[in-house]
Amino acid sequence: PLVSQIYMQKLEASRNERDMLTLQLGTAYEEIAMRDAALADSAAYMQALKRRNAELQIQMRTLLLERNQQGKAEKAQTSESEDSIFGLAHIRSKVEEAVQEAAQLNESDRKDKIKQLRIRWHPDKNPVLQEFATEVTKIINETVQKYKL
């Protein structure tokens, strides 16, 4: 009986340990299931974010294209508008007037006047209107060449 009592105690201890380990294993499986669910939710959320990001990129590209096209159209209208005071034809006539006035001055004053005109329309001095200023500078140089000043 003593051996059987010791055996029974060991058996009971083993069963208790088994039950405790089974409980721990069940808890671990529950934690794994919860983490799997959280991962699935995260994956779905990431997919939704990726879709939204792609949509926003498409919208951004579309807006940029529209803005570029609109800017090109406005630029074309501005540069093609001969009647406008900002049109190149009007600027050309004003530059010719200024160069003609300079041609009537003595050499020192003439050089100063042309220098002022070139500085006024130099592209580096007009970063916002750099392309336009470049065109005006070309007009100034052509006009000065025309009058051989």
Foldseek 3Di string as FASTA:
>chain_A
DVVVVVVVVVVVVVVVVVVVVVVVVVVVVVVVVVVVVVVVVVVVVVVVVVVVVVVVVVVVVVVVVVVVVVVVVVVCCQQVVCPDCSYPVVLLVVLLVQLVVLVPDPPVSSVVSLVVVLVVLALVVPVVCNVSSVSSNVSNVVSCVVVVD
